[in-house]
Structures are given as C-alpha cells and as structure tokens.
N, C-alpha and C. Protein backbone atom coordinates (compact mmCIF):
# COMPACT_ATOMS: atom_id res chain seq x y z
N MET A 1 -67.09 -0.94 118.56
CA MET A 1 -66.82 -0.14 117.38
C MET A 1 -66.71 -1.12 116.23
N ILE A 2 -67.38 -0.70 115.06
CA ILE A 2 -67.35 -1.54 113.92
C ILE A 2 -65.93 -1.69 113.38
N ALA A 3 -65.36 -2.88 112.98
CA ALA A 3 -64.10 -2.96 112.57
C ALA A 3 -64.10 -2.35 110.99
N PHE A 4 -62.87 -1.86 110.54
CA PHE A 4 -62.73 -1.15 109.39
C PHE A 4 -63.08 -2.04 108.21
N GLU A 5 -62.42 -3.17 108.09
CA GLU A 5 -62.71 -4.12 106.90
C GLU A 5 -64.29 -4.32 106.82
N GLN A 6 -65.03 -4.62 107.88
CA GLN A 6 -66.38 -4.79 107.93
C GLN A 6 -67.14 -3.65 107.53
N ALA A 7 -66.61 -2.39 107.89
CA ALA A 7 -67.39 -1.20 107.63
C ALA A 7 -67.17 -0.90 106.09
N LEU A 8 -66.07 -1.27 105.48
CA LEU A 8 -65.87 -1.02 103.99
C LEU A 8 -66.83 -2.00 103.21
N THR A 9 -66.87 -3.23 103.78
CA THR A 9 -67.57 -4.40 102.96
C THR A 9 -68.95 -4.06 103.08
N GLU A 10 -69.43 -3.76 104.28
CA GLU A 10 -70.88 -3.67 104.48
C GLU A 10 -71.54 -2.30 104.09
N HIS A 11 -70.75 -1.32 104.39
CA HIS A 11 -71.33 0.01 104.17
C HIS A 11 -70.89 0.71 102.92
N ARG A 12 -69.71 0.56 102.43
CA ARG A 12 -69.20 0.88 101.13
C ARG A 12 -69.09 2.45 101.05
N LEU A 13 -69.13 3.10 102.07
CA LEU A 13 -68.97 4.64 102.03
C LEU A 13 -68.23 5.09 103.24
N VAL A 14 -67.17 5.91 103.01
CA VAL A 14 -66.29 6.66 103.98
C VAL A 14 -66.64 8.16 103.95
N ALA A 15 -67.23 8.61 105.03
CA ALA A 15 -67.25 10.16 104.95
C ALA A 15 -66.06 10.74 105.49
N ILE A 16 -65.60 11.84 104.67
CA ILE A 16 -64.15 12.50 105.14
C ILE A 16 -64.58 13.97 105.52
N LEU A 17 -64.25 14.05 106.77
CA LEU A 17 -64.27 15.29 107.38
C LEU A 17 -62.91 16.22 107.35
N ARG A 18 -62.92 17.22 106.55
CA ARG A 18 -61.54 17.88 106.47
C ARG A 18 -61.87 19.35 106.58
N ALA A 19 -61.24 19.98 107.48
CA ALA A 19 -61.33 21.49 107.63
C ALA A 19 -60.08 22.25 107.80
N ARG A 20 -59.78 23.48 107.32
CA ARG A 20 -58.59 24.19 107.45
C ARG A 20 -58.81 25.25 108.63
N GLU A 21 -59.80 25.55 109.02
CA GLU A 21 -60.10 26.35 110.23
C GLU A 21 -60.83 25.55 111.19
N PRO A 22 -60.92 26.00 112.51
CA PRO A 22 -61.75 25.35 113.51
C PRO A 22 -63.15 25.11 113.10
N ALA A 23 -63.61 24.05 113.21
CA ALA A 23 -64.93 23.55 112.72
C ALA A 23 -65.72 22.68 113.69
N PRO A 24 -67.05 22.68 113.57
CA PRO A 24 -67.87 21.82 114.40
C PRO A 24 -67.76 20.23 113.96
N LEU A 25 -66.61 19.66 114.10
CA LEU A 25 -66.26 18.32 113.64
C LEU A 25 -67.25 17.32 114.28
N VAL A 26 -67.46 17.37 115.60
CA VAL A 26 -68.29 16.37 116.37
C VAL A 26 -69.64 16.53 115.92
N GLU A 27 -70.30 17.79 115.91
CA GLU A 27 -71.65 17.98 115.47
C GLU A 27 -71.95 17.33 114.04
N ALA A 28 -71.06 17.72 113.23
CA ALA A 28 -71.26 17.35 111.79
C ALA A 28 -71.19 15.67 111.59
N ALA A 29 -70.13 15.16 112.47
CA ALA A 29 -69.99 13.72 112.46
C ALA A 29 -71.30 13.02 113.04
N LEU A 30 -71.81 13.60 114.16
CA LEU A 30 -73.11 12.99 114.59
C LEU A 30 -74.30 13.16 113.52
N ALA A 31 -74.31 14.22 112.85
CA ALA A 31 -75.31 14.37 111.80
C ALA A 31 -75.17 13.29 110.84
N LEU A 32 -73.93 13.09 110.39
CA LEU A 32 -73.61 11.95 109.32
C LEU A 32 -74.19 10.64 109.99
N ILE A 33 -73.84 10.38 111.21
CA ILE A 33 -74.20 9.08 111.80
C ILE A 33 -75.75 9.05 111.80
N GLU A 34 -76.44 10.07 112.19
CA GLU A 34 -77.96 10.15 112.20
C GLU A 34 -78.44 9.89 110.78
N GLY A 35 -77.65 10.19 109.75
CA GLY A 35 -78.01 9.98 108.35
C GLY A 35 -77.83 8.61 107.85
N GLY A 36 -77.17 7.81 108.64
CA GLY A 36 -76.91 6.47 108.37
C GLY A 36 -75.48 6.02 108.03
N VAL A 37 -74.56 7.04 107.98
CA VAL A 37 -73.16 6.81 107.64
C VAL A 37 -72.64 6.00 108.89
N ARG A 38 -71.76 4.97 108.53
CA ARG A 38 -71.07 4.20 109.57
C ARG A 38 -69.56 4.07 109.53
N CYS A 39 -69.03 4.87 108.64
CA CYS A 39 -67.51 4.91 108.54
C CYS A 39 -67.04 6.37 108.22
N LEU A 40 -66.25 6.92 109.30
CA LEU A 40 -66.06 8.32 109.18
C LEU A 40 -64.53 8.48 109.43
N GLU A 41 -63.97 9.43 108.54
CA GLU A 41 -62.52 9.80 108.63
C GLU A 41 -62.36 11.20 108.95
N ILE A 42 -61.74 11.59 109.95
CA ILE A 42 -61.38 13.00 110.24
C ILE A 42 -59.91 13.28 109.88
N THR A 43 -59.60 14.13 108.98
CA THR A 43 -58.27 14.44 108.69
C THR A 43 -57.46 15.02 109.77
N LEU A 44 -56.27 14.46 109.98
CA LEU A 44 -55.31 14.95 110.93
C LEU A 44 -55.02 16.50 110.94
N PRO A 45 -54.79 16.98 109.88
CA PRO A 45 -54.55 18.58 109.92
C PRO A 45 -55.83 19.39 110.24
N SER A 46 -57.06 18.93 110.36
CA SER A 46 -58.13 19.65 110.74
C SER A 46 -58.04 20.09 112.18
N PRO A 47 -58.16 21.29 112.54
CA PRO A 47 -58.06 21.68 113.92
C PRO A 47 -58.95 21.05 114.78
N GLY A 48 -58.39 20.37 115.90
CA GLY A 48 -59.14 19.55 116.82
C GLY A 48 -59.52 18.23 116.47
N SER A 49 -58.87 17.69 115.48
CA SER A 49 -59.19 16.42 114.86
C SER A 49 -59.07 15.29 115.89
N LEU A 50 -58.02 15.24 116.68
CA LEU A 50 -57.92 14.03 117.57
C LEU A 50 -58.80 14.09 118.75
N PRO A 51 -59.04 15.25 119.34
CA PRO A 51 -60.02 15.45 120.40
C PRO A 51 -61.51 15.09 119.87
N ALA A 52 -61.67 15.49 118.61
CA ALA A 52 -63.08 15.06 118.04
C ALA A 52 -63.13 13.66 117.87
N VAL A 53 -62.05 12.83 117.48
CA VAL A 53 -62.19 11.43 117.42
C VAL A 53 -62.35 10.75 118.78
N ARG A 54 -61.70 11.22 119.72
CA ARG A 54 -61.78 10.81 121.13
C ARG A 54 -63.22 10.93 121.68
N MET A 55 -63.79 12.18 121.36
CA MET A 55 -65.05 12.33 121.81
C MET A 55 -66.08 11.39 121.19
N LEU A 56 -65.99 11.25 119.89
CA LEU A 56 -66.87 10.46 119.01
C LEU A 56 -66.75 9.05 119.49
N ALA A 57 -65.55 8.60 119.74
CA ALA A 57 -65.37 7.16 120.16
C ALA A 57 -66.13 6.98 121.43
N ASP A 58 -66.15 7.88 122.29
CA ASP A 58 -66.91 7.71 123.55
C ASP A 58 -68.44 7.81 123.38
N ARG A 59 -68.89 8.75 122.51
CA ARG A 59 -70.22 8.85 122.34
C ARG A 59 -71.04 7.98 121.41
N ALA A 60 -70.27 7.70 120.31
CA ALA A 60 -70.92 6.82 119.14
C ALA A 60 -70.07 5.68 118.73
N GLY A 61 -69.14 5.32 119.41
CA GLY A 61 -68.08 4.15 119.09
C GLY A 61 -68.72 3.02 118.64
N SER A 62 -69.73 2.63 119.26
CA SER A 62 -70.37 1.22 119.03
C SER A 62 -71.11 1.28 117.78
N ARG A 63 -71.49 2.40 117.18
CA ARG A 63 -72.34 2.47 115.98
C ARG A 63 -71.45 2.62 114.73
N VAL A 64 -70.14 3.11 114.92
CA VAL A 64 -69.49 3.52 113.77
C VAL A 64 -67.99 3.05 113.79
N CYS A 65 -67.35 3.13 112.68
CA CYS A 65 -65.87 2.99 112.54
C CYS A 65 -65.30 4.19 112.30
N LEU A 66 -64.33 4.69 113.30
CA LEU A 66 -63.85 6.09 113.16
C LEU A 66 -62.27 5.95 112.71
N GLY A 67 -61.92 6.87 111.83
CA GLY A 67 -60.59 6.82 111.46
C GLY A 67 -59.96 8.18 111.41
N VAL A 68 -58.70 8.22 111.26
CA VAL A 68 -57.99 9.52 111.13
C VAL A 68 -57.22 9.60 109.71
N GLY A 69 -57.40 10.66 108.97
CA GLY A 69 -56.92 10.75 107.65
C GLY A 69 -55.67 11.71 107.58
N THR A 70 -54.93 11.53 106.43
CA THR A 70 -53.70 12.32 106.25
C THR A 70 -52.68 11.95 107.29
N VAL A 71 -52.51 10.74 107.57
CA VAL A 71 -51.47 10.23 108.58
C VAL A 71 -50.32 9.87 107.75
N LEU A 72 -49.20 10.56 107.99
CA LEU A 72 -47.92 10.34 107.24
C LEU A 72 -46.78 9.78 107.91
N THR A 73 -46.94 9.55 109.26
CA THR A 73 -45.74 9.05 110.00
C THR A 73 -46.36 8.02 111.18
N ALA A 74 -45.36 7.09 111.46
CA ALA A 74 -45.66 6.07 112.56
C ALA A 74 -46.10 6.73 113.83
N SER A 75 -45.54 8.00 114.19
CA SER A 75 -46.00 8.59 115.39
C SER A 75 -47.27 9.14 115.35
N GLU A 76 -47.78 9.47 114.12
CA GLU A 76 -49.16 9.92 113.98
C GLU A 76 -50.10 8.77 114.06
N VAL A 77 -49.73 7.68 113.59
CA VAL A 77 -50.37 6.34 113.70
C VAL A 77 -50.76 6.05 115.20
N ALA A 78 -49.64 6.31 115.99
CA ALA A 78 -49.73 6.08 117.49
C ALA A 78 -50.72 7.08 118.13
N ALA A 79 -50.63 8.32 117.74
CA ALA A 79 -51.60 9.38 118.18
C ALA A 79 -53.14 9.01 117.74
N ALA A 80 -53.20 8.43 116.52
CA ALA A 80 -54.53 8.11 116.17
C ALA A 80 -55.22 6.93 116.97
N ALA A 81 -54.27 5.95 117.25
CA ALA A 81 -54.73 4.80 118.08
C ALA A 81 -55.15 5.26 119.42
N ASP A 82 -54.25 6.25 119.99
CA ASP A 82 -54.60 6.68 121.33
C ASP A 82 -55.87 7.49 121.49
N ALA A 83 -56.32 8.15 120.45
CA ALA A 83 -57.53 8.76 120.35
C ALA A 83 -58.70 7.92 120.13
N GLY A 84 -58.53 6.67 119.94
CA GLY A 84 -59.62 5.70 119.73
C GLY A 84 -59.99 5.46 118.25
N ALA A 85 -59.12 5.84 117.32
CA ALA A 85 -59.42 5.51 115.93
C ALA A 85 -59.17 4.05 115.66
N ARG A 86 -59.83 3.58 114.54
CA ARG A 86 -59.83 2.12 114.18
C ARG A 86 -59.15 1.98 112.92
N PHE A 87 -58.81 2.97 112.23
CA PHE A 87 -58.11 2.91 110.94
C PHE A 87 -57.37 4.17 110.72
N VAL A 88 -56.38 4.25 109.78
CA VAL A 88 -55.77 5.52 109.39
C VAL A 88 -55.67 5.51 107.93
N VAL A 89 -55.75 6.71 107.36
CA VAL A 89 -55.77 6.93 105.92
C VAL A 89 -54.56 7.75 105.64
N ALA A 90 -54.03 7.56 104.38
CA ALA A 90 -52.96 8.50 103.83
C ALA A 90 -53.24 8.70 102.40
N PRO A 91 -52.62 9.89 101.85
CA PRO A 91 -52.77 10.13 100.38
C PRO A 91 -51.64 9.43 99.67
N ASN A 92 -50.79 8.83 100.48
CA ASN A 92 -49.59 8.14 99.78
C ASN A 92 -49.53 6.73 100.36
N PHE A 93 -48.47 5.91 99.85
CA PHE A 93 -48.22 4.76 100.40
C PHE A 93 -46.79 4.76 101.11
N ASP A 94 -46.74 4.65 102.40
CA ASP A 94 -45.40 4.43 103.10
C ASP A 94 -45.50 3.18 103.88
N PRO A 95 -44.59 2.28 103.63
CA PRO A 95 -44.59 1.03 104.26
C PRO A 95 -44.47 1.08 105.78
N GLU A 96 -43.81 2.15 106.22
CA GLU A 96 -43.68 2.34 107.79
C GLU A 96 -45.07 2.63 108.40
N VAL A 97 -45.78 3.39 107.79
CA VAL A 97 -47.00 3.75 108.22
C VAL A 97 -48.01 2.56 108.07
N VAL A 98 -47.98 1.82 107.16
CA VAL A 98 -48.84 0.58 107.14
C VAL A 98 -48.37 -0.40 108.22
N ALA A 99 -47.10 -0.57 108.40
CA ALA A 99 -46.54 -1.51 109.38
C ALA A 99 -46.88 -0.94 110.77
N ALA A 100 -46.94 0.25 110.96
CA ALA A 100 -47.23 0.79 112.26
C ALA A 100 -48.75 0.64 112.60
N ALA A 101 -49.49 0.79 111.67
CA ALA A 101 -50.98 0.60 111.77
C ALA A 101 -51.24 -0.95 112.18
N THR A 102 -50.56 -1.77 111.37
CA THR A 102 -50.83 -3.23 111.66
C THR A 102 -50.32 -3.55 113.05
N ALA A 103 -49.21 -2.99 113.53
CA ALA A 103 -48.68 -3.32 114.93
C ALA A 103 -49.67 -2.84 115.93
N ALA A 104 -50.39 -1.63 115.64
CA ALA A 104 -51.26 -1.07 116.51
C ALA A 104 -52.56 -1.63 116.53
N GLY A 105 -52.87 -2.69 115.57
CA GLY A 105 -54.19 -3.20 115.48
C GLY A 105 -55.15 -2.37 114.72
N LEU A 106 -54.67 -1.47 113.97
CA LEU A 106 -55.49 -0.56 113.14
C LEU A 106 -55.62 -0.96 111.65
N GLY A 107 -56.76 -0.65 111.01
CA GLY A 107 -56.81 -0.83 109.59
C GLY A 107 -56.04 0.28 108.89
N SER A 108 -55.69 0.05 107.70
CA SER A 108 -54.88 1.17 106.97
C SER A 108 -55.38 1.25 105.54
N LEU A 109 -55.37 2.47 105.06
CA LEU A 109 -55.90 2.72 103.84
C LEU A 109 -54.90 3.76 103.11
N PRO A 110 -53.82 3.24 102.61
CA PRO A 110 -52.74 4.04 101.90
C PRO A 110 -53.23 4.45 100.52
N GLY A 111 -52.64 5.58 100.07
CA GLY A 111 -53.09 6.05 98.68
C GLY A 111 -52.14 5.49 97.63
N ALA A 112 -52.72 5.30 96.49
CA ALA A 112 -51.82 4.84 95.40
C ALA A 112 -52.59 5.25 94.04
N TYR A 113 -51.67 5.44 92.93
CA TYR A 113 -52.15 5.99 91.74
C TYR A 113 -51.93 4.97 90.62
N THR A 114 -51.00 4.21 90.79
CA THR A 114 -50.60 3.18 89.70
C THR A 114 -50.67 1.79 90.06
N PRO A 115 -50.84 0.83 89.15
CA PRO A 115 -50.87 -0.52 89.45
C PRO A 115 -49.65 -1.07 90.37
N THR A 116 -48.48 -0.50 90.08
CA THR A 116 -47.26 -0.83 90.73
C THR A 116 -47.39 -0.37 92.19
N GLU A 117 -47.94 0.77 92.49
CA GLU A 117 -48.17 1.29 93.85
C GLU A 117 -49.16 0.52 94.62
N ILE A 118 -50.29 0.25 93.84
CA ILE A 118 -51.43 -0.60 94.43
C ILE A 118 -50.96 -1.82 94.86
N VAL A 119 -50.32 -2.56 94.19
CA VAL A 119 -49.63 -3.91 94.55
C VAL A 119 -48.79 -3.81 95.66
N ALA A 120 -47.93 -2.86 95.68
CA ALA A 120 -46.99 -2.66 96.67
C ALA A 120 -47.65 -2.40 98.10
N ALA A 121 -48.72 -1.51 98.04
CA ALA A 121 -49.42 -1.18 99.22
C ALA A 121 -50.18 -2.39 99.79
N TRP A 122 -50.71 -3.21 98.83
CA TRP A 122 -51.50 -4.41 99.32
C TRP A 122 -50.49 -5.52 99.96
N ARG A 123 -49.43 -5.68 99.24
CA ARG A 123 -48.42 -6.59 99.94
C ARG A 123 -47.77 -6.18 101.09
N ALA A 124 -47.81 -4.97 101.40
CA ALA A 124 -47.26 -4.34 102.64
C ALA A 124 -48.27 -4.70 103.86
N GLY A 125 -49.50 -5.09 103.52
CA GLY A 125 -50.47 -5.33 104.59
C GLY A 125 -51.59 -4.26 104.76
N ALA A 126 -51.87 -3.51 103.77
CA ALA A 126 -53.03 -2.53 103.77
C ALA A 126 -54.38 -3.22 103.92
N THR A 127 -55.30 -2.87 104.50
CA THR A 127 -56.59 -3.33 104.61
C THR A 127 -57.22 -3.28 103.27
N ALA A 128 -57.04 -2.11 102.56
CA ALA A 128 -57.58 -1.78 101.21
C ALA A 128 -56.69 -0.66 100.83
N VAL A 129 -56.78 -0.39 99.39
CA VAL A 129 -55.84 0.54 98.80
C VAL A 129 -56.79 1.78 98.39
N LYS A 130 -56.43 2.91 98.64
CA LYS A 130 -57.15 4.07 98.29
C LYS A 130 -56.59 4.59 96.93
N LEU A 131 -57.57 4.55 95.95
CA LEU A 131 -57.17 5.08 94.61
C LEU A 131 -57.40 6.64 94.69
N PHE A 132 -56.20 7.27 94.66
CA PHE A 132 -56.32 8.76 94.78
C PHE A 132 -55.29 9.45 93.93
N PRO A 133 -55.76 10.61 93.24
CA PRO A 133 -57.10 11.06 93.28
C PRO A 133 -57.88 10.39 92.12
N ALA A 134 -59.02 9.82 92.47
CA ALA A 134 -59.72 9.02 91.61
C ALA A 134 -60.34 9.71 90.48
N ALA A 135 -60.71 11.06 90.62
CA ALA A 135 -61.26 11.65 89.53
C ALA A 135 -60.49 11.83 88.26
N THR A 136 -59.05 11.78 88.58
CA THR A 136 -58.23 11.93 87.35
C THR A 136 -58.11 10.60 86.58
N LEU A 137 -58.56 9.51 87.10
CA LEU A 137 -58.45 8.23 86.56
C LEU A 137 -59.78 7.76 86.07
N GLY A 138 -60.74 7.86 86.86
CA GLY A 138 -62.21 7.56 86.52
C GLY A 138 -62.58 6.07 86.89
N PRO A 139 -63.87 5.83 86.79
CA PRO A 139 -64.44 4.54 87.12
C PRO A 139 -63.89 3.36 86.34
N GLU A 140 -63.57 3.71 84.99
CA GLU A 140 -63.10 2.67 84.15
C GLU A 140 -61.81 2.14 84.59
N PHE A 141 -60.88 2.91 85.09
CA PHE A 141 -59.72 2.55 85.61
C PHE A 141 -59.78 1.48 86.75
N VAL A 142 -60.70 1.56 87.51
CA VAL A 142 -61.03 0.67 88.63
C VAL A 142 -61.34 -0.77 87.96
N ALA A 143 -62.15 -0.83 86.91
CA ALA A 143 -62.44 -1.95 86.22
C ALA A 143 -61.22 -2.61 85.59
N SER A 144 -60.43 -1.73 84.99
CA SER A 144 -59.15 -2.13 84.39
C SER A 144 -58.22 -2.81 85.28
N VAL A 145 -58.00 -2.19 86.55
CA VAL A 145 -57.16 -2.71 87.54
C VAL A 145 -57.68 -3.94 88.07
N ARG A 146 -58.99 -4.04 88.41
CA ARG A 146 -59.47 -5.11 89.06
C ARG A 146 -59.51 -6.45 88.09
N ALA A 147 -59.49 -6.19 86.90
CA ALA A 147 -59.47 -7.41 85.91
C ALA A 147 -58.26 -8.32 86.22
N PRO A 148 -56.91 -7.71 86.25
CA PRO A 148 -55.89 -8.53 86.55
C PRO A 148 -55.57 -8.66 88.10
N LEU A 149 -56.21 -7.88 88.94
CA LEU A 149 -55.97 -7.81 90.37
C LEU A 149 -57.09 -7.86 91.12
N PRO A 150 -58.00 -8.96 90.97
CA PRO A 150 -59.25 -8.80 91.62
C PRO A 150 -59.33 -9.07 93.15
N GLU A 151 -58.11 -9.39 93.72
CA GLU A 151 -57.93 -9.75 95.26
C GLU A 151 -57.72 -8.45 95.88
N ILE A 152 -57.46 -7.43 95.21
CA ILE A 152 -57.06 -6.21 95.93
C ILE A 152 -58.34 -5.16 95.97
N PRO A 153 -58.76 -4.84 97.24
CA PRO A 153 -59.95 -4.10 97.40
C PRO A 153 -59.44 -2.55 97.12
N LEU A 154 -60.22 -1.83 96.42
CA LEU A 154 -59.88 -0.48 96.07
C LEU A 154 -61.03 0.45 96.55
N VAL A 155 -60.56 1.60 97.28
CA VAL A 155 -61.47 2.51 97.54
C VAL A 155 -61.29 3.95 96.80
N ALA A 156 -62.24 4.26 96.15
CA ALA A 156 -62.10 5.46 95.25
C ALA A 156 -62.23 6.74 96.06
N VAL A 157 -61.28 7.50 95.96
CA VAL A 157 -61.31 8.89 96.83
C VAL A 157 -60.80 9.96 95.85
N GLY A 158 -61.54 11.17 96.00
CA GLY A 158 -61.13 12.47 95.32
C GLY A 158 -61.93 12.65 94.18
N GLY A 159 -62.81 13.61 94.37
CA GLY A 159 -63.77 14.06 93.28
C GLY A 159 -64.95 13.08 93.13
N VAL A 160 -65.38 12.43 94.07
CA VAL A 160 -66.40 11.43 94.11
C VAL A 160 -67.70 12.05 94.58
N GLY A 161 -68.59 12.42 93.76
CA GLY A 161 -69.93 12.89 94.13
C GLY A 161 -70.98 11.74 94.12
N LEU A 162 -72.29 12.23 94.32
CA LEU A 162 -73.33 11.26 94.38
C LEU A 162 -73.36 10.33 93.11
N ALA A 163 -73.24 10.94 91.99
CA ALA A 163 -73.51 10.16 90.74
C ALA A 163 -72.20 9.26 90.54
N GLU A 164 -71.00 9.76 90.79
CA GLU A 164 -69.82 9.02 90.63
C GLU A 164 -69.64 7.86 91.56
N ALA A 165 -70.28 7.95 92.75
CA ALA A 165 -70.15 6.92 93.76
C ALA A 165 -70.72 5.70 93.10
N LYS A 166 -71.79 5.71 92.68
CA LYS A 166 -72.41 4.36 92.09
C LYS A 166 -71.52 3.92 90.78
N GLU A 167 -71.04 4.71 90.10
CA GLU A 167 -70.10 4.37 89.02
C GLU A 167 -68.96 3.49 89.52
N TYR A 168 -68.30 4.10 90.46
CA TYR A 168 -67.14 3.53 90.90
C TYR A 168 -67.40 2.06 91.48
N LEU A 169 -68.49 2.06 92.37
CA LEU A 169 -68.93 0.79 92.96
C LEU A 169 -69.41 -0.28 91.85
N ASP A 170 -70.03 0.14 90.81
CA ASP A 170 -70.57 -0.69 89.71
C ASP A 170 -69.31 -1.25 88.98
N ARG A 171 -68.26 -0.46 88.96
CA ARG A 171 -67.04 -0.85 88.27
C ARG A 171 -66.05 -1.75 89.04
N GLY A 172 -66.47 -1.99 90.36
CA GLY A 172 -65.72 -2.90 91.15
C GLY A 172 -65.03 -2.33 92.27
N ALA A 173 -65.19 -1.02 92.74
CA ALA A 173 -64.62 -0.46 93.89
C ALA A 173 -65.27 -1.12 95.22
N LEU A 174 -64.45 -1.41 96.23
CA LEU A 174 -65.11 -1.94 97.34
C LEU A 174 -66.00 -0.94 98.01
N ALA A 175 -65.54 0.32 97.98
CA ALA A 175 -66.11 1.44 98.67
C ALA A 175 -65.75 2.80 98.10
N VAL A 176 -66.28 3.79 98.41
CA VAL A 176 -65.90 5.29 97.93
C VAL A 176 -65.68 6.21 99.22
N GLY A 177 -64.83 7.00 99.14
CA GLY A 177 -64.52 8.06 100.22
C GLY A 177 -65.12 9.37 99.60
N VAL A 178 -65.84 10.08 100.33
CA VAL A 178 -66.51 11.28 99.89
C VAL A 178 -66.33 12.34 101.06
N GLY A 179 -65.95 13.67 100.44
CA GLY A 179 -65.66 14.72 101.30
C GLY A 179 -66.71 15.91 101.15
N SER A 180 -66.21 16.82 100.37
CA SER A 180 -67.05 18.10 100.19
C SER A 180 -68.50 17.82 99.45
N PRO A 181 -68.48 16.95 98.37
CA PRO A 181 -69.81 16.80 97.96
C PRO A 181 -70.88 16.26 99.02
N LEU A 182 -70.54 15.55 100.01
CA LEU A 182 -71.33 15.22 101.11
C LEU A 182 -71.38 16.11 102.25
N LEU A 183 -70.23 16.75 102.79
CA LEU A 183 -70.24 17.65 103.86
C LEU A 183 -70.93 18.94 103.55
N GLY A 184 -70.75 19.52 102.27
CA GLY A 184 -71.25 20.75 101.92
C GLY A 184 -70.73 22.03 102.87
N ASP A 185 -71.74 22.67 103.56
CA ASP A 185 -71.36 23.76 104.44
C ASP A 185 -71.39 23.36 105.94
N ALA A 186 -71.47 22.12 106.09
CA ALA A 186 -71.62 21.63 107.56
C ALA A 186 -70.36 21.75 108.36
N LEU A 187 -69.24 22.13 107.80
CA LEU A 187 -68.04 22.28 108.65
C LEU A 187 -67.69 23.75 108.63
N ARG A 188 -68.67 24.68 108.38
CA ARG A 188 -68.30 26.01 108.57
C ARG A 188 -68.36 26.38 109.98
N ALA A 189 -67.56 27.31 110.40
CA ALA A 189 -67.39 27.70 112.00
C ALA A 189 -68.77 28.05 112.51
N ASP A 190 -69.65 28.61 111.66
CA ASP A 190 -70.95 29.06 112.16
C ASP A 190 -72.07 28.18 111.78
N ALA A 191 -71.68 26.99 111.37
CA ALA A 191 -72.65 26.04 110.93
C ALA A 191 -73.68 25.76 112.13
N GLY A 192 -74.83 25.43 111.87
CA GLY A 192 -75.92 25.24 112.99
C GLY A 192 -76.91 24.11 112.54
N GLU A 193 -78.06 24.10 113.04
CA GLU A 193 -78.98 22.96 112.96
C GLU A 193 -79.34 22.89 111.30
N ARG A 194 -79.50 24.06 110.92
CA ARG A 194 -79.97 24.14 109.38
C ARG A 194 -78.97 23.40 108.54
N GLU A 195 -77.67 23.70 108.73
CA GLU A 195 -76.69 22.88 107.78
C GLU A 195 -76.59 21.46 108.36
N TRP A 196 -76.83 21.07 109.56
CA TRP A 196 -76.65 19.68 109.88
C TRP A 196 -77.82 18.89 109.50
N ALA A 197 -79.08 19.62 109.42
CA ALA A 197 -80.27 18.97 108.89
C ALA A 197 -80.13 18.59 107.37
N ALA A 198 -79.50 19.50 106.60
CA ALA A 198 -79.13 19.37 105.20
C ALA A 198 -78.12 18.23 105.15
N LEU A 199 -77.20 18.09 106.04
CA LEU A 199 -76.15 17.11 105.99
C LEU A 199 -76.74 15.75 106.24
N ARG A 200 -77.68 15.71 107.27
CA ARG A 200 -78.38 14.37 107.47
C ARG A 200 -79.06 13.84 106.21
N ALA A 201 -79.75 14.83 105.37
CA ALA A 201 -80.40 14.37 104.15
C ALA A 201 -79.40 13.98 103.18
N ARG A 202 -78.38 14.59 102.98
CA ARG A 202 -77.42 14.33 102.05
C ARG A 202 -76.79 12.98 102.38
N ALA A 203 -76.50 12.81 103.62
CA ALA A 203 -75.96 11.49 104.13
C ALA A 203 -76.82 10.32 103.70
N ALA A 204 -78.29 10.50 104.02
CA ALA A 204 -79.19 9.47 103.59
C ALA A 204 -79.12 9.26 102.12
N GLU A 205 -78.93 10.18 101.32
CA GLU A 205 -78.69 10.01 99.83
C GLU A 205 -77.63 9.20 99.40
N PHE A 206 -76.47 9.55 100.03
CA PHE A 206 -75.30 8.77 99.74
C PHE A 206 -75.38 7.32 100.24
N VAL A 207 -75.91 7.17 101.39
CA VAL A 207 -76.12 5.81 101.94
C VAL A 207 -76.99 4.96 101.12
N ALA A 208 -78.03 5.63 100.55
CA ALA A 208 -79.06 4.85 99.74
C ALA A 208 -78.18 4.43 98.44
N VAL A 209 -77.38 5.37 97.84
CA VAL A 209 -76.75 5.09 96.57
C VAL A 209 -75.68 3.98 96.78
N THR A 210 -74.99 4.11 97.93
CA THR A 210 -73.86 3.07 98.06
C THR A 210 -74.26 1.82 98.62
N ALA A 211 -75.48 1.64 99.16
CA ALA A 211 -75.91 0.52 99.61
C ALA A 211 -75.78 -0.67 98.75
N ASP A 212 -75.33 -1.87 99.29
CA ASP A 212 -75.17 -3.10 98.47
C ASP A 212 -76.43 -3.51 98.11
N PRO A 213 -76.78 -3.72 96.78
CA PRO A 213 -78.07 -4.20 96.19
C PRO A 213 -78.38 -5.59 96.63
N ASN A 214 -77.31 -6.33 96.97
CA ASN A 214 -77.48 -7.79 97.24
C ASN A 214 -77.80 -7.93 98.74
N GLU A 215 -77.79 -6.89 99.55
CA GLU A 215 -78.01 -7.09 101.03
C GLU A 215 -79.54 -6.94 101.19
C-alpha cells in the first residue's frame, strides 16, 4: 500500500467519502481508483466505514493509500489501524490522536484553522496539517501561511471544487481533499453503474488538475 506522505506528495489529491446513510462505499471507491485516484479517506461516521476500508485494503491496497476520517480518539485510531488504514484524518487537532497514530505507524492529518494551531499540530508529529474549513480562508491564506512557515505541508479541505483545487496547489498547498464536488451522487443508496461511470470521469478530471506539472 502506498505510504501516506508519498501519496500526498506524488498525487496531491485525497478523495473523501462521507455518507450519513448506508452507501456503496466500496463500489464508489473502486470507481475512484479506476479514475486514477490514489489516496482515499472514508469518514468513520459513515455506516460501514471500517468494513469498507478492510475490504478495499484486501482488494486494492497495493494501488492506493487508504485512510479513515473524523477520527477523534486514540481508540478510533486503533480501530482504523486494525481495519488496514494507513492514515487518519480529523477536523481538529488533538495531540493524543496524533501521538496514537504515530505509535501505530499511521500517518496523521489533523485539522487546524490558525497559524498557532498549524504549528502546534506540526510540532506534535502530524504528517501534514489539514487546513479546515479551507473555503472560509481561501487560497491566499495558504500563501500567507507558507511564507513564514514553508516547512509545514498543508492540505486544503472543505469547499474545494475542481477550479479551487488548482488555486490551492498553485498557492503552495501540498494537496487538496475533495468530497461532494468529486463524489456527486455516487454514494446514494441506489447508485449504480451510471453514477460510477460519471464518478470515474470526474475522478480523471480532478487527477488531471491536481497532477504535478513537474512530473
């Protein structure tokens, strides 16, 4: 399975699968992979999230980096690791969660909103820091923070669509995390091949936009 830091650096895109009701998580994830996505996060509150991660780790683990999102406690870190995840994501910064991820050999992507939070998360051992919600701050905020703190990798998450993805990357974000603008209707309970074909096409668009022009 691709390591988290490598996935962020090389692919610059994290697809976020989030559902409130039972959804075809595995099928949608496989469509994303077929569209070229190589880093996927399935949020923990999504029904069936950990079984989906476990199944994907068995079926596609060598091709992708799988993570679990909305991880708020050390026990949830352990559950994510047991399912086969390679990283955990949170909307906030909790030093205990970052420490648990490090101890379990997982990457961690804690959320932060201010320079103080960003530096604290980085010093605690985060693989990168999730700028969340990015839409309320904008791409220029990334450039402003990166100027005095160039060593801290930032991942812009929250309200990032196809056009915004390139803006955040151009301003210095290491990667972007994208949910509904990428997933569309693919996580509807009755989704089928029509939705997954559209998802593969959207995935290919996002992969093309986020690809490193220097590669």
